[in-house]
Amino acid sequence: MPFDFGALRRYPDVEGQGLEASDAADRLLLDVAAERASSTAPQPAPDEIVVVDDAYGAIALAAAERFGATAARPIRVHQDLVTGERALAANAERLALGDEVVSMPLAPELVAGARLVLVRLPRSLDRLDELSELVAGHAASEVVIVAAGRLKHMTPAMNEVLGRHFGRVDVSLARQKSRALTASEARPAARASHPGWPRRQRHEAEGLEVVAHGGVFAGTGIDIGTRFLLRQLGEAVPDATRAVDLACGTGIVAAGLASARPGIVVVATDRSAAAVASARLTAEANGVADRVEAKQADGLEHFADASERLIVLNPPFHSESAISTGIAAHLFADAGRVLAPGGELWCVWNSHLRYRPLLERTVGPTRQIARNPKFTITASVRAA
């Protein structure tokens, strides 16, 4: 019986009319993978199959059913977002496939011995490069990557990235506005002629070194909004002994605060595993790892109500390929819950987004700290 994609849900991510937990690219990837596996002798066993960046579990669970995964031989899975990992777990329980998949960190153990790696193509070429490097260097010598995405998000540069680490890249015919790439003939020595991951860059003007895994916002750079914010943070609750870097990315704000204030402890949080790993490395590179704690979390879910005096935020406005202010609204509401009376949310945002009324409603009285032609920095105070 065909796998029931309609039974999948996006929860705990946003759900609603027109928001599906799988799409045509997932189904194309699975069909190309099955065709490739059937032509391979011997066929890959379930525990020789790895799934990476599957949004809500459609690829992993359909593959588990199609390739006969068991509790003893589960399919290994890595998803960057904690919400995706939770959606997979919930969908697996709903479909009685919970023991047939196992979530793992992005590390050599994830791909060790793998002969078939199924990847939902990331939009970030750096993310694809890091994944390809990992697979080529640590999977079985005969490993094959099958990666798929929507045509509107694919570029010829993806073929070039795969070609750095694999001797052959095949391109499928388009189907339902999707396409698959198949990479084979791994070249594990490619790293010798190409910078490996994670990468690092020193920024003398800020006195900071940034370390980044592939796909994290701004990479080893410092985006102009964060750069603007860093210059203003000296005024942010100057007697605070603890701060939160919400949606921390590579941890630049956390490292900057900890470097500038020897008496402060900073907790950095992000949904992305790659971001949290980067934030830890950035803290280490700047000598403040003892005062910066990086945690993967959905917003401030692990923080108690009215518990923090200072939260700093450069809110993202992309959710995968979609532009959405809903992410910022969620983070503002979380900050309003967690701030102690009199505590402050310091936020930098693109001025055209006009977040101030939303900040006033969800956090409290909001004052402008600084503004330039592109960005606004505000401080919102939680009322007593």
Protein backbone atom coordinates (compact mmCIF):
# COMPACT_ATOMS: atom_id res chain seq x y z
CA MET A 1 0.00 0.00 0.00
CA PRO A 2 1.42 3.47 -0.87
CA PHE A 3 2.74 5.59 1.99
CA ASP A 4 0.05 7.93 3.33
CA PHE A 5 1.63 11.38 2.98
CA GLY A 6 -1.73 12.94 3.84
CA ALA A 7 -1.47 11.61 7.40
CA LEU A 8 1.56 13.78 8.14
CA ARG A 9 1.36 17.03 10.11
CA ARG A 10 3.67 20.02 10.44
CA TYR A 11 3.05 20.47 14.19
CA PRO A 12 4.72 22.01 16.20
CA ASP A 13 5.45 24.27 13.23
CA VAL A 14 2.75 26.54 11.83
CA GLU A 15 -0.23 24.69 10.37
CA GLY A 16 -3.08 25.94 8.23
CA GLN A 17 -4.85 25.85 4.90
CA GLY A 18 -2.38 25.26 2.08
CA LEU A 19 0.52 24.42 4.41
CA GLU A 20 1.43 20.80 3.74
CA ALA A 21 3.87 18.51 5.54
CA SER A 22 5.22 17.09 2.26
CA ASP A 23 5.44 18.08 -1.39
CA ALA A 24 6.28 16.81 -4.86
CA ALA A 25 10.03 17.13 -4.29
CA ASP A 26 9.84 14.68 -1.36
CA ARG A 27 8.02 12.14 -3.51
CA LEU A 28 10.38 12.58 -6.45
CA LEU A 29 13.38 12.10 -4.17
CA LEU A 30 11.95 8.84 -2.83
CA ASP A 31 11.16 7.51 -6.31
CA VAL A 32 14.65 8.31 -7.62
CA ALA A 33 16.21 6.77 -4.50
CA ALA A 34 14.16 3.59 -4.87
CA GLU A 35 15.12 3.30 -8.54
CA ARG A 36 18.79 3.83 -7.67
CA ALA A 37 18.66 1.28 -4.84
CA SER A 38 17.00 -1.34 -7.02
CA SER A 39 19.85 -1.09 -9.54
CA THR A 40 22.51 -1.52 -6.85
CA ALA A 41 23.81 -4.92 -5.77
CA PRO A 42 23.47 -5.52 -2.92
CA GLN A 43 20.66 -3.10 -2.15
CA PRO A 44 21.33 -0.80 0.82
CA ALA A 45 20.00 -2.07 4.12
CA PRO A 46 17.82 0.31 6.17
CA ASP A 47 20.67 1.08 8.57
CA GLU A 48 22.82 2.03 5.56
CA ILE A 49 20.34 4.79 4.65
CA VAL A 50 20.57 8.33 6.05
CA VAL A 51 18.07 11.19 5.63
CA VAL A 52 19.16 14.83 6.05
CA ASP A 53 17.08 18.03 6.30
CA ASP A 54 13.70 16.35 5.93
CA ALA A 55 11.30 19.13 6.95
CA TYR A 56 8.61 17.16 8.81
CA GLY A 57 9.54 13.50 8.38
CA ALA A 58 7.94 12.69 5.02
CA ILE A 59 11.17 11.41 3.47
CA ALA A 60 12.41 9.50 6.51
CA LEU A 61 9.11 7.79 7.31
CA ALA A 62 8.28 6.89 3.72
CA ALA A 63 11.82 5.52 3.30
CA ALA A 64 11.47 3.53 6.53
CA GLU A 65 8.33 1.90 5.18
CA ARG A 66 9.66 1.45 1.63
CA PHE A 67 13.04 -0.01 2.63
CA GLY A 68 11.78 -2.16 5.50
CA ALA A 69 13.39 -0.40 8.46
CA THR A 70 13.09 -2.08 11.87
CA ALA A 71 13.91 -1.19 15.46
CA ALA A 72 17.12 -3.21 15.08
CA ARG A 73 18.01 -1.55 11.76
CA PRO A 74 16.54 1.96 11.78
CA ILE A 75 17.10 4.74 9.28
CA ARG A 76 19.34 7.52 10.63
CA VAL A 77 17.99 11.08 10.37
CA HIS A 78 19.32 14.58 10.94
CA GLN A 79 17.15 17.72 10.85
CA ASP A 80 18.62 21.12 11.58
CA LEU A 81 15.52 22.62 13.21
CA VAL A 82 14.33 21.34 16.57
CA THR A 83 10.74 21.87 15.40
CA GLY A 84 11.37 19.54 12.45
CA GLU A 85 12.81 16.88 14.75
CA ARG A 86 9.71 17.10 16.93
CA ALA A 87 7.39 16.94 13.94
CA LEU A 88 9.18 13.78 12.77
CA ALA A 89 8.80 12.19 16.21
CA ALA A 90 5.09 13.06 16.35
CA ASN A 91 4.43 11.79 12.83
CA ALA A 92 6.41 8.62 13.49
CA GLU A 93 4.33 7.89 16.60
CA ARG A 94 1.10 8.57 14.70
CA LEU A 95 2.11 6.11 11.95
CA ALA A 96 3.58 3.51 14.36
CA LEU A 97 7.06 4.02 12.89
CA GLY A 98 8.73 5.49 15.96
CA ASP A 99 11.31 2.70 16.33
CA GLU A 100 12.18 2.63 12.63
CA VAL A 101 13.93 6.05 12.58
CA VAL A 102 16.54 7.51 14.90
CA SER A 103 17.53 11.20 15.07
CA MET A 104 21.23 11.99 15.34
CA PRO A 105 23.49 15.07 15.34
CA LEU A 106 25.27 16.18 12.17
CA ALA A 107 28.56 14.36 12.77
CA PRO A 108 30.63 11.56 11.19
CA GLU A 109 28.63 8.97 13.17
CA LEU A 110 25.48 10.02 11.31
CA VAL A 111 26.83 8.88 7.94
CA ALA A 112 29.35 6.20 8.96
CA GLY A 113 28.88 3.18 6.68
CA ALA A 114 26.00 4.82 4.79
CA ARG A 115 25.49 3.73 1.18
CA LEU A 116 22.45 5.90 0.36
CA VAL A 117 21.95 9.45 1.67
CA LEU A 118 18.67 11.23 0.96
CA VAL A 119 18.84 15.02 1.19
CA ARG A 120 16.15 17.65 0.88
CA LEU A 121 18.16 20.31 -0.93
CA PRO A 122 18.91 23.28 1.31
CA ARG A 123 18.73 26.75 -0.17
CA SER A 124 22.17 27.49 1.28
CA LEU A 125 25.08 26.36 -0.90
CA ASP A 126 27.28 26.38 2.20
CA ARG A 127 24.93 23.93 3.91
CA LEU A 128 25.03 21.66 0.86
CA ASP A 129 28.81 21.91 0.76
CA GLU A 130 29.16 20.91 4.42
CA LEU A 131 26.77 17.97 4.00
CA SER A 132 28.59 16.80 0.86
CA GLU A 133 31.97 17.06 2.58
CA LEU A 134 30.72 15.03 5.54
CA VAL A 135 29.23 12.28 3.36
CA ALA A 136 32.20 12.03 1.01
CA GLY A 137 34.62 11.87 3.92
CA HIS A 138 32.85 9.47 6.29
CA ALA A 139 30.25 7.34 4.48
CA ALA A 140 30.93 4.09 2.61
CA SER A 141 33.15 4.47 -0.45
CA GLU A 142 30.26 3.55 -2.76
CA VAL A 143 27.84 6.02 -1.15
CA VAL A 144 25.29 7.80 -3.33
CA ILE A 145 23.54 11.06 -2.46
CA VAL A 146 20.06 11.64 -3.86
CA ALA A 147 18.98 15.23 -3.27
CA ALA A 148 15.80 16.95 -4.44
CA GLY A 149 14.12 20.32 -4.30
CA ARG A 150 11.64 22.62 -5.96
CA LEU A 151 12.84 24.07 -9.25
CA LYS A 152 12.29 27.65 -8.09
CA HIS A 153 14.87 27.15 -5.33
CA MET A 154 17.47 25.22 -7.37
CA THR A 155 20.46 26.65 -9.22
CA PRO A 156 23.26 25.17 -11.37
CA ALA A 157 25.63 26.07 -8.53
CA MET A 158 24.20 23.13 -6.55
CA ASN A 159 25.59 20.74 -9.19
CA GLU A 160 28.97 22.46 -8.85
CA VAL A 161 28.96 22.11 -5.06
CA LEU A 162 28.19 18.38 -5.27
CA GLY A 163 30.86 18.09 -7.96
CA ARG A 164 33.54 19.28 -5.53
CA HIS A 165 33.09 16.12 -3.49
CA PHE A 166 31.75 13.59 -6.01
CA GLY A 167 33.07 12.58 -9.40
CA ARG A 168 29.63 12.23 -10.99
CA VAL A 169 26.42 14.28 -10.67
CA ASP A 170 23.30 13.20 -12.59
CA VAL A 171 20.21 15.38 -13.01
CA SER A 172 16.70 13.95 -13.24
CA LEU A 173 13.95 15.14 -15.51
CA ALA A 174 11.67 17.72 -13.93
CA ARG A 175 8.44 16.45 -12.41
CA GLN A 176 5.73 18.59 -10.81
CA LYS A 177 8.13 21.55 -10.65
CA SER A 178 10.75 19.49 -8.81
CA ARG A 179 14.06 17.91 -9.76
CA ALA A 180 16.53 15.46 -8.20
CA LEU A 181 20.33 15.40 -8.27
CA THR A 182 22.24 12.15 -7.80
CA ALA A 183 25.90 12.32 -6.73
CA SER A 184 28.21 9.31 -6.80
CA GLU A 185 31.92 8.41 -6.93
CA ALA A 186 32.87 10.13 -3.67
CA ARG A 187 36.13 12.06 -3.53
CA PRO A 188 36.99 12.26 0.20
CA ALA A 189 40.30 14.01 -0.53
CA ALA A 190 38.51 17.07 -1.94
CA ARG A 191 38.85 18.87 1.40
CA ALA A 192 42.58 19.17 0.83
CA SER A 193 41.94 21.66 -1.98
CA HIS A 194 38.80 23.28 -0.52
CA PRO A 195 38.19 25.01 2.85
CA GLY A 196 36.51 22.63 5.28
CA TRP A 197 33.79 23.20 7.85
CA PRO A 198 33.26 24.93 10.18
CA ARG A 199 34.86 28.14 8.91
CA ARG A 200 36.04 31.23 10.79
CA GLN A 201 36.70 34.92 10.19
CA ARG A 202 38.18 37.68 12.33
CA HIS A 203 36.40 41.07 12.40
CA GLU A 204 38.84 43.64 13.72
CA ALA A 205 36.34 46.52 13.92
CA GLU A 206 34.19 44.53 16.38
CA GLY A 207 37.11 42.70 17.99
CA LEU A 208 35.34 39.38 17.37
CA GLU A 209 36.06 36.11 15.61
CA VAL A 210 33.02 34.41 14.07
CA VAL A 211 32.86 30.64 13.54
CA ALA A 212 30.10 29.20 11.36
CA HIS A 213 28.77 25.91 10.12
CA GLY A 214 27.18 25.84 6.68
CA GLY A 215 23.76 27.42 6.29
CA VAL A 216 23.77 29.66 9.36
CA PHE A 217 22.59 33.22 8.64
CA ALA A 218 25.42 35.50 7.43
CA GLY A 219 28.00 32.71 7.68
CA THR A 220 31.27 33.96 9.11
CA GLY A 221 30.26 37.54 8.34
CA ILE A 222 28.47 40.03 10.58
CA ASP A 223 25.28 41.30 8.96
CA ILE A 224 24.79 45.04 9.00
CA GLY A 225 21.83 44.93 11.38
CA THR A 226 23.80 42.98 13.99
CA ARG A 227 26.80 45.26 13.46
CA PHE A 228 24.57 48.28 14.14
CA LEU A 229 23.11 46.62 17.25
CA LEU A 230 26.51 45.73 18.71
CA ARG A 231 27.49 49.40 18.72
CA GLN A 232 24.49 50.29 20.92
CA LEU A 233 24.48 47.49 23.48
CA GLY A 234 26.60 49.33 26.03
CA GLU A 235 23.40 51.11 27.14
CA ALA A 236 21.34 47.92 27.47
CA VAL A 237 20.51 47.32 31.16
CA PRO A 238 24.14 48.04 32.13
CA ASP A 239 23.87 46.41 35.58
CA ALA A 240 22.46 43.11 34.23
CA THR A 241 24.45 40.05 35.28
CA ARG A 242 22.66 37.79 32.81
CA ALA A 243 21.30 38.21 29.28
CA VAL A 244 19.60 36.13 26.59
CA ASP A 245 20.67 36.18 22.92
CA LEU A 246 17.41 35.05 21.29
CA ALA A 247 17.62 33.55 17.77
CA CYS A 248 21.37 33.72 18.26
CA GLY A 249 22.63 32.55 14.85
CA THR A 250 26.42 32.26 15.08
CA GLY A 251 26.40 33.79 18.56
CA ILE A 252 27.90 37.14 17.63
CA VAL A 253 25.75 39.14 20.06
CA ALA A 254 26.36 36.65 22.89
CA ALA A 255 30.11 36.75 22.35
CA GLY A 256 30.07 40.54 21.97
CA LEU A 257 28.14 41.06 25.21
CA ALA A 258 30.30 38.61 27.16
CA SER A 259 33.51 40.18 25.81
CA ALA A 260 32.40 43.72 26.66
CA ARG A 261 31.02 42.86 30.13
CA PRO A 262 33.25 40.56 32.17
CA GLY A 263 30.56 40.11 34.83
CA ILE A 264 27.72 38.94 32.57
CA VAL A 265 26.53 35.43 31.67
CA VAL A 266 24.73 35.02 28.33
CA VAL A 267 22.36 32.23 27.27
CA ALA A 268 22.17 31.93 23.47
CA THR A 269 19.21 30.06 21.94
CA ASP A 270 18.20 29.11 18.41
CA ARG A 271 15.96 26.52 16.68
CA SER A 272 18.87 25.54 14.44
CA ALA A 273 21.37 22.89 15.50
CA ALA A 274 23.95 24.42 13.13
CA ALA A 275 23.45 27.84 14.70
CA VAL A 276 23.85 26.53 18.24
CA ALA A 277 27.00 24.60 17.31
CA SER A 278 28.35 27.76 15.67
CA ALA A 279 27.52 29.89 18.71
CA ARG A 280 29.46 27.52 20.97
CA LEU A 281 32.49 27.71 18.69
CA THR A 282 32.24 31.50 18.40
CA ALA A 283 32.21 31.77 22.20
CA GLU A 284 35.29 29.53 22.41
CA ALA A 285 37.10 31.51 19.72
CA ASN A 286 36.58 34.73 21.69
CA GLY A 287 37.58 33.30 25.07
CA VAL A 288 34.12 33.57 26.67
CA ALA A 289 32.91 29.96 26.54
CA ASP A 290 32.78 29.89 30.34
CA ARG A 291 30.11 32.65 30.29
CA VAL A 292 28.13 31.79 27.15
CA GLU A 293 25.74 28.83 27.16
CA ALA A 294 24.23 27.88 23.79
CA LYS A 295 20.98 25.89 23.76
CA GLN A 296 18.84 24.57 20.91
CA ALA A 297 15.24 25.51 21.61
CA ASP A 298 12.04 26.79 20.04
CA GLY A 299 12.24 30.40 21.20
CA LEU A 300 12.34 30.77 24.98
CA GLU A 301 10.45 27.58 25.78
CA HIS A 302 12.87 26.58 28.56
CA PHE A 303 12.74 29.93 30.37
CA ALA A 304 10.41 30.64 33.28
CA ASP A 305 7.91 33.50 33.17
CA ALA A 306 9.21 36.88 34.39
CA SER A 307 12.74 35.51 34.85
CA GLU A 308 15.10 37.65 32.71
CA ARG A 309 16.14 41.31 32.82
CA LEU A 310 17.73 41.58 29.35
CA ILE A 311 16.88 39.86 26.06
CA VAL A 312 18.58 40.83 22.79
CA LEU A 313 17.09 39.94 19.41
CA ASN A 314 17.75 40.37 15.70
CA PRO A 315 14.60 38.57 14.52
CA PRO A 316 14.66 36.44 11.37
CA PHE A 317 11.98 37.13 8.79
CA HIS A 318 12.39 33.98 6.67
CA SER A 319 10.84 30.61 7.42
CA GLU A 320 12.56 28.27 4.97
CA SER A 321 11.69 29.86 1.60
CA ALA A 322 8.84 32.05 2.85
CA ILE A 323 9.09 35.62 4.09
CA SER A 324 7.02 35.91 7.26
CA THR A 325 6.70 38.41 10.09
CA GLY A 326 4.99 35.68 12.11
CA ILE A 327 8.36 34.46 13.36
CA ALA A 328 9.12 37.87 14.89
CA ALA A 329 5.65 38.04 16.46
CA HIS A 330 6.23 34.64 18.10
CA LEU A 331 9.62 35.73 19.45
CA PHE A 332 8.29 39.09 20.70
CA ALA A 333 5.48 37.33 22.58
CA ASP A 334 7.98 34.88 24.07
CA ALA A 335 10.17 37.78 25.21
CA GLY A 336 7.17 39.50 26.77
CA ARG A 337 6.42 36.38 28.78
CA VAL A 338 9.99 35.80 29.97
CA LEU A 339 11.03 39.38 30.81
CA ALA A 340 10.89 40.29 34.46
CA PRO A 341 9.00 43.50 35.37
CA GLY A 342 11.22 46.35 34.26
CA GLY A 343 13.27 44.02 32.05
CA GLU A 344 14.06 45.08 28.51
CA LEU A 345 13.98 43.55 25.03
CA TRP A 346 16.58 45.19 22.78
CA CYS A 347 15.74 44.54 19.16
CA VAL A 348 17.10 45.56 15.76
CA TRP A 349 14.79 45.37 12.75
CA ASN A 350 14.45 46.50 9.16
CA SER A 351 12.70 49.86 9.47
CA HIS A 352 10.18 49.12 6.72
CA LEU A 353 8.73 46.28 8.83
CA ARG A 354 7.40 48.83 11.37
CA TYR A 355 7.52 46.49 14.36
CA ARG A 356 7.10 49.16 17.03
CA PRO A 357 3.29 48.84 17.45
CA LEU A 358 3.64 45.07 17.71
CA LEU A 359 6.40 45.44 20.31
CA GLU A 360 4.23 47.86 22.28
CA ARG A 361 1.34 45.36 22.34
CA THR A 362 3.29 42.18 23.08
CA VAL A 363 6.12 43.42 25.31
CA GLY A 364 5.46 46.94 26.62
CA PRO A 365 6.43 50.61 26.27
CA THR A 366 9.00 50.89 23.47
CA ARG A 367 11.57 53.61 22.86
CA GLN A 368 13.84 54.14 19.87
CA ILE A 369 17.52 53.76 20.68
CA ALA A 370 19.02 54.40 17.23
CA ARG A 371 18.05 54.51 13.59
CA ASN A 372 19.92 54.59 10.30
CA PRO A 373 18.63 54.53 6.70
CA LYS A 374 17.86 50.80 6.91
CA PHE A 375 17.54 49.66 10.53
CA THR A 376 15.86 50.67 13.78
CA ILE A 377 16.95 49.64 17.26
CA THR A 378 14.33 49.72 20.02
CA ALA A 379 14.18 48.86 23.70
CA SER A 380 10.84 47.52 24.98
CA VAL A 381 10.23 47.53 28.74
CA ARG A 382 8.08 44.90 30.43
CA ALA A 383 5.56 46.70 32.60
CA ALA A 384 5.33 45.78 36.27
